[in-house]
Amino acid sequence: MDDALLHQRWLLEVPEAAEDALGDWLGRAGANATFRSADPPHAFYAYFPPGAAAPDPAALAAFPGVRLVRAERFADQDWLAKSREGFGPIQVGRGFHIRPPWDDAPPPAGRVPIVVNPGLAFGTGGHETTRLCMGLVEDLADQGGLQDPVLDIGAGTGILALTAWLCGARQVTAFDIDPDCGPAMAELLEHNAALFQGARPFEAFVGTLDDPRVRGPYRTLLANILLETIQDLLPRMAELAAPGGRLVASGILGERQDEALVSLAAHGFQPRRLAREGAWIAILAQRLP
């Protein structure tokens, strides 16, 4: 077959810390899909459409730890199946079953199915930080500490806001600065409408923490974003948090644990619990009076 009619696929080794920056660069360089496999060894794939020239692999040297394992071509008929590789169901926490729209197998007994379309925005359940935050939200609910109102900062797909609602919260607001997250949150609500029975689990908008729709005080804050962003927003989060309110924060590499704990304490958030998965941690903290 003529090479011009074939897709190209790269298999790469990619440290998780480099994943977002590399994915952005690959998109600008012509890739029409990227994803990380949910199964070990969690390989990273990039796809290039027929007729598109892949970038020079030498440019990968700009991303520490990234290595091109192999490049291969395949016919168009394989595209749908290949684009879905690695997007199987995921068991999260004690009570959730996250699945893509095309997998309609029933969940294990006792687990609530959440349908998420992978690739629209961050927050599909495939990343450790999302799973860690969902687990801490579950723990808060079990201990009576998940209290309204709830604010999900940098919500991505809105999966943490939905988790809070499923765990009993009823005044939930979610926002993200990324315009793509507006449609992603709307789609999450559409895919899972059967769970709500006419209710609206959370109010969603695209904006910032200074948006007039952000009205504290909040009893629960959720922030699954990078540590640098958390540090930038901590003064404002401290203003919005009610005394005794809880903050679930992640997007934090384990090697920066001490830095994160010190930053939280400096802004009046006393760390109460730390959870870890792989290279990442999530912290549950409480706003001091």
Protein backbone atom coordinates (compact mmCIF):
# COMPACT_ATOMS: atom_id res chain seq x y z
CA MET A 1 0.00 0.00 0.00
CA ASP A 2 1.13 3.54 -0.76
CA ASP A 3 2.76 5.03 2.38
CA ALA A 4 0.75 8.22 1.79
CA LEU A 5 -2.41 6.24 2.66
CA LEU A 6 -1.06 4.86 5.94
CA HIS A 7 -1.31 6.25 9.45
CA GLN A 8 1.85 6.50 11.52
CA ARG A 9 2.04 5.50 15.16
CA TRP A 10 4.80 6.30 17.63
CA LEU A 11 5.33 4.22 20.75
CA LEU A 12 7.22 6.25 23.34
CA GLU A 13 8.57 6.01 26.86
CA VAL A 14 7.31 9.14 28.61
CA PRO A 15 7.74 10.08 32.29
CA GLU A 16 4.41 11.22 33.70
CA ALA A 17 5.86 14.60 34.60
CA ALA A 18 6.58 15.25 30.89
CA GLU A 19 3.27 13.95 29.56
CA ASP A 20 1.32 17.20 29.29
CA ALA A 21 4.11 19.23 27.69
CA LEU A 22 4.93 16.45 25.24
CA GLY A 23 1.27 15.97 24.30
CA ASP A 24 0.93 19.69 23.57
CA TRP A 25 4.06 19.64 21.41
CA LEU A 26 2.97 16.55 19.49
CA GLY A 27 -0.39 18.17 18.77
CA ARG A 28 1.32 21.23 17.33
CA ALA A 29 3.64 18.95 15.36
CA GLY A 30 0.73 17.24 13.59
CA ALA A 31 -0.37 14.37 15.85
CA ASN A 32 -4.13 13.89 15.76
CA ALA A 33 -4.28 11.65 18.86
CA THR A 34 -2.13 10.89 21.89
CA PHE A 35 -2.83 8.69 24.89
CA ARG A 36 -1.22 6.62 27.62
CA SER A 37 -2.20 2.98 28.04
CA ALA A 38 -4.07 2.25 31.28
CA ASP A 39 -2.32 -1.11 31.59
CA PRO A 40 1.32 -1.67 32.62
CA PRO A 41 3.86 -0.64 31.38
CA HIS A 42 1.62 2.40 30.62
CA ALA A 43 3.13 3.07 27.19
CA PHE A 44 2.50 6.41 25.51
CA TYR A 45 1.24 6.55 21.90
CA ALA A 46 1.08 9.31 19.31
CA TYR A 47 -0.79 9.01 16.00
CA PHE A 48 -0.21 10.95 12.77
CA PRO A 49 -2.76 10.95 9.92
CA PRO A 50 -2.06 9.79 6.36
CA GLY A 51 -0.05 12.29 4.35
CA ALA A 52 1.27 14.07 7.44
CA ALA A 53 5.00 14.06 8.08
CA ALA A 54 5.88 13.11 11.66
CA PRO A 55 8.27 15.51 13.42
CA ASP A 56 11.99 14.83 13.64
CA PRO A 57 12.48 12.40 16.55
CA ALA A 58 15.65 14.30 17.46
CA ALA A 59 13.38 17.06 18.81
CA LEU A 60 12.30 14.69 21.60
CA ALA A 61 15.62 15.47 23.29
CA ALA A 62 13.96 18.64 24.59
CA PHE A 63 11.80 16.47 26.88
CA PRO A 64 13.88 14.79 29.62
CA GLY A 65 13.34 11.06 29.87
CA VAL A 66 11.30 10.77 26.67
CA ARG A 67 12.40 8.08 24.21
CA LEU A 68 10.92 6.93 20.91
CA VAL A 69 10.72 3.14 21.15
CA ARG A 70 9.46 2.56 17.62
CA ALA A 71 7.57 4.15 14.75
CA GLU A 72 5.26 2.04 12.63
CA ARG A 73 2.57 2.43 9.97
CA PHE A 74 -0.86 0.84 9.70
CA ALA A 75 -3.85 0.95 7.39
CA ASP A 76 -6.86 3.17 7.96
CA GLN A 77 -9.09 0.23 8.80
CA ASP A 78 -7.26 -0.21 12.12
CA TRP A 79 -7.72 3.37 13.29
CA LEU A 80 -10.88 3.10 15.37
CA ALA A 81 -9.69 0.08 17.31
CA LYS A 82 -6.22 1.52 17.86
CA SER A 83 -7.53 4.89 19.00
CA ARG A 84 -9.40 3.11 21.78
CA GLU A 85 -6.49 1.05 23.05
CA GLY A 86 -5.88 1.63 26.72
CA PHE A 87 -9.32 3.08 27.39
CA GLY A 88 -10.92 0.22 29.25
CA PRO A 89 -12.94 0.42 32.47
CA ILE A 90 -11.16 1.50 35.66
CA GLN A 91 -12.11 0.75 39.26
CA VAL A 92 -11.56 3.86 41.39
CA GLY A 93 -11.80 4.10 45.15
CA ARG A 94 -14.24 1.82 46.89
CA GLY A 95 -17.32 2.65 44.90
CA PHE A 96 -16.70 3.86 41.34
CA HIS A 97 -16.43 2.17 37.96
CA ILE A 98 -15.22 4.54 35.22
CA ARG A 99 -15.82 3.42 31.66
CA PRO A 100 -15.62 4.94 28.16
CA PRO A 101 -18.87 5.44 26.21
CA TRP A 102 -18.29 2.41 24.00
CA ASP A 103 -17.92 -0.06 26.90
CA ASP A 104 -21.39 -0.88 28.19
CA ALA A 105 -20.51 -3.94 30.29
CA PRO A 106 -22.21 -3.82 33.71
CA PRO A 107 -20.06 -2.61 36.60
CA PRO A 108 -19.02 -4.87 39.46
CA ALA A 109 -21.57 -5.13 42.23
CA GLY A 110 -21.60 -2.16 44.54
CA ARG A 111 -19.85 0.23 42.15
CA VAL A 112 -21.41 3.27 40.49
CA PRO A 113 -20.63 3.53 36.75
CA ILE A 114 -19.32 6.89 35.54
CA VAL A 115 -19.07 7.34 31.76
CA VAL A 116 -16.17 9.54 30.63
CA ASN A 117 -15.09 10.26 27.06
CA PRO A 118 -11.28 9.99 27.13
CA GLY A 119 -9.23 12.73 25.55
CA LEU A 120 -11.61 15.68 25.89
CA ALA A 121 -9.99 17.13 29.01
CA PHE A 122 -7.99 16.11 32.05
CA GLY A 123 -9.96 14.05 34.53
CA THR A 124 -10.84 10.71 32.98
CA GLY A 125 -9.85 8.57 35.96
CA GLY A 126 -6.82 7.26 34.11
CA HIS A 127 -4.35 9.43 35.99
CA GLU A 128 -3.20 8.73 39.53
CA THR A 129 -4.05 12.22 40.77
CA THR A 130 -7.69 11.90 39.71
CA ARG A 131 -8.01 8.54 41.42
CA LEU A 132 -6.32 9.85 44.57
CA CYS A 133 -8.70 12.81 44.78
CA MET A 134 -11.77 10.65 44.20
CA GLY A 135 -10.63 8.35 47.00
CA LEU A 136 -10.15 11.26 49.41
CA VAL A 137 -13.59 12.64 48.53
CA GLU A 138 -15.05 9.23 49.34
CA ASP A 139 -13.20 9.22 52.66
CA LEU A 140 -14.46 12.71 53.49
CA ALA A 141 -18.03 11.63 52.81
CA ASP A 142 -17.67 8.52 54.98
CA GLN A 143 -16.35 10.64 57.86
CA GLY A 144 -18.99 13.35 57.54
CA GLY A 145 -16.45 15.91 56.32
CA LEU A 146 -17.78 16.41 52.78
CA GLN A 147 -19.86 19.52 53.34
CA ASP A 148 -21.63 21.99 51.05
CA PRO A 149 -20.89 24.19 49.30
CA VAL A 150 -18.17 22.54 47.18
CA LEU A 151 -15.89 24.24 44.64
CA ASP A 152 -13.93 22.20 42.06
CA ILE A 153 -11.00 24.34 40.87
CA GLY A 154 -9.53 23.42 37.47
CA ALA A 155 -12.26 20.83 37.01
CA GLY A 156 -11.26 19.40 33.61
CA THR A 157 -14.07 16.99 32.72
CA GLY A 158 -15.82 17.74 36.02
CA ILE A 159 -15.31 14.23 37.34
CA LEU A 160 -14.38 15.38 40.86
CA ALA A 161 -17.44 17.63 41.02
CA LEU A 162 -19.55 14.66 39.94
CA THR A 163 -17.82 12.47 42.53
CA ALA A 164 -18.69 14.98 45.25
CA TRP A 165 -22.36 14.95 44.16
CA LEU A 166 -22.46 11.15 44.09
CA CYS A 167 -20.98 11.17 47.61
CA GLY A 168 -23.77 13.39 48.91
CA ALA A 169 -22.84 17.02 48.20
CA ARG A 170 -25.69 19.08 46.73
CA GLN A 171 -24.20 22.55 46.19
CA VAL A 172 -21.34 21.96 43.79
CA THR A 173 -19.67 24.40 41.40
CA ALA A 174 -16.97 23.44 38.90
CA PHE A 175 -14.86 25.63 36.64
CA ASP A 176 -11.75 25.55 34.50
CA ILE A 177 -9.77 28.20 32.68
CA ASP A 178 -9.49 26.00 29.55
CA PRO A 179 -12.31 26.68 27.04
CA ASP A 180 -12.26 23.01 25.98
CA CYS A 181 -13.41 22.03 29.45
CA GLY A 182 -16.80 23.66 29.00
CA PRO A 183 -17.91 21.10 26.39
CA ALA A 184 -16.14 18.33 28.32
CA MET A 185 -18.14 19.05 31.48
CA ALA A 186 -21.36 19.28 29.48
CA GLU A 187 -20.64 15.92 27.88
CA LEU A 188 -19.91 14.32 31.26
CA LEU A 189 -23.33 15.43 32.47
CA GLU A 190 -24.97 14.18 29.27
CA HIS A 191 -23.33 10.75 29.39
CA ASN A 192 -24.31 10.23 33.02
CA ALA A 193 -27.80 11.74 32.99
CA ALA A 194 -29.35 8.45 34.10
CA LEU A 195 -27.64 8.84 37.48
CA PHE A 196 -29.20 12.24 38.16
CA GLN A 197 -32.89 11.59 37.45
CA GLY A 198 -33.46 15.18 36.42
CA ALA A 199 -31.16 16.78 39.01
CA ARG A 200 -28.17 18.91 38.04
CA PRO A 201 -25.12 17.64 39.95
CA PHE A 202 -23.02 20.76 39.55
CA GLU A 203 -22.94 24.19 37.99
CA ALA A 204 -20.11 24.53 35.47
CA PHE A 205 -18.42 27.44 33.76
CA VAL A 206 -15.18 28.45 32.07
CA GLY A 207 -13.37 31.13 34.06
CA THR A 208 -10.96 31.84 36.90
CA LEU A 209 -10.98 31.84 40.67
CA ASP A 210 -11.77 35.58 40.57
CA ASP A 211 -14.94 35.07 38.52
CA PRO A 212 -18.02 36.61 40.21
CA ARG A 213 -19.68 33.19 40.03
CA VAL A 214 -17.16 31.99 42.63
CA ARG A 215 -18.90 32.93 45.88
CA GLY A 216 -17.47 31.68 49.14
CA PRO A 217 -17.19 30.66 51.81
CA TYR A 218 -16.81 27.05 50.67
CA ARG A 219 -16.74 24.13 53.05
CA THR A 220 -14.96 21.90 50.54
CA LEU A 221 -12.40 22.85 47.89
CA LEU A 222 -11.11 20.41 45.26
CA ALA A 223 -7.95 21.28 43.32
CA ASN A 224 -6.40 18.62 41.09
CA ILE A 225 -3.96 20.95 39.35
CA LEU A 226 -0.19 21.38 39.24
CA LEU A 227 1.57 22.36 42.46
CA GLU A 228 2.79 25.64 40.94
CA THR A 229 -0.81 26.61 40.19
CA ILE A 230 -1.96 25.57 43.66
CA GLN A 231 0.75 27.78 45.16
CA ASP A 232 -0.34 30.73 43.00
CA LEU A 233 -3.98 30.28 44.02
CA LEU A 234 -3.53 29.49 47.71
CA PRO A 235 -4.03 33.10 48.92
CA ARG A 236 -7.37 33.25 47.10
CA MET A 237 -8.34 29.73 48.21
CA ALA A 238 -7.65 30.73 51.81
CA GLU A 239 -10.04 33.67 51.39
CA LEU A 240 -12.76 31.43 49.96
CA ALA A 241 -12.44 28.54 52.43
CA ALA A 242 -14.71 28.55 55.45
CA PRO A 243 -13.01 28.09 58.84
CA GLY A 244 -12.66 24.35 59.30
CA GLY A 245 -13.29 23.76 55.61
CA ARG A 246 -11.46 21.01 53.74
CA LEU A 247 -9.13 21.19 50.75
CA VAL A 248 -8.34 18.14 48.61
CA ALA A 249 -5.26 19.02 46.56
CA SER A 250 -3.32 16.97 44.03
CA GLY A 251 -1.31 17.27 40.84
CA ILE A 252 1.67 17.06 43.19
CA LEU A 253 4.74 14.90 42.54
CA GLY A 254 5.80 12.91 45.57
CA GLU A 255 9.31 14.35 45.40
CA ARG A 256 7.79 17.77 46.17
CA GLN A 257 5.80 16.58 49.17
CA ASP A 258 7.61 18.74 51.73
CA GLU A 259 7.28 21.84 49.55
CA ALA A 260 3.55 21.24 49.15
CA LEU A 261 2.96 20.69 52.87
CA VAL A 262 4.88 23.83 53.80
CA SER A 263 2.98 25.90 51.21
CA LEU A 264 -0.39 24.71 52.51
CA ALA A 265 0.52 25.37 56.13
CA ALA A 266 1.81 28.85 55.30
CA HIS A 267 -1.66 29.79 54.02
CA GLY A 268 -3.62 28.38 56.92
CA PHE A 269 -4.34 24.87 55.59
CA GLN A 270 -3.30 22.23 58.11
CA PRO A 271 -2.47 18.92 56.34
CA ARG A 272 -4.55 16.07 57.75
CA ARG A 273 -3.92 13.16 55.42
CA LEU A 274 -1.67 12.25 52.52
CA ALA A 275 -2.39 9.60 49.89
CA ARG A 276 0.09 8.30 47.33
CA GLU A 277 -0.09 6.38 44.07
CA GLY A 278 2.94 5.92 41.86
CA ALA A 279 4.92 9.14 41.62
CA TRP A 280 2.01 11.33 42.75
CA ILE A 281 0.43 12.40 46.03
CA ALA A 282 -2.81 14.01 47.11
CA ILE A 283 -3.25 15.94 50.32
CA LEU A 284 -6.32 16.48 52.47
CA ALA A 285 -5.95 19.69 54.49
CA GLN A 286 -8.21 21.70 56.79
CA ARG A 287 -8.53 25.47 56.94
CA LEU A 288 -7.62 26.68 60.41
CA PRO A 289 -10.00 29.16 62.12
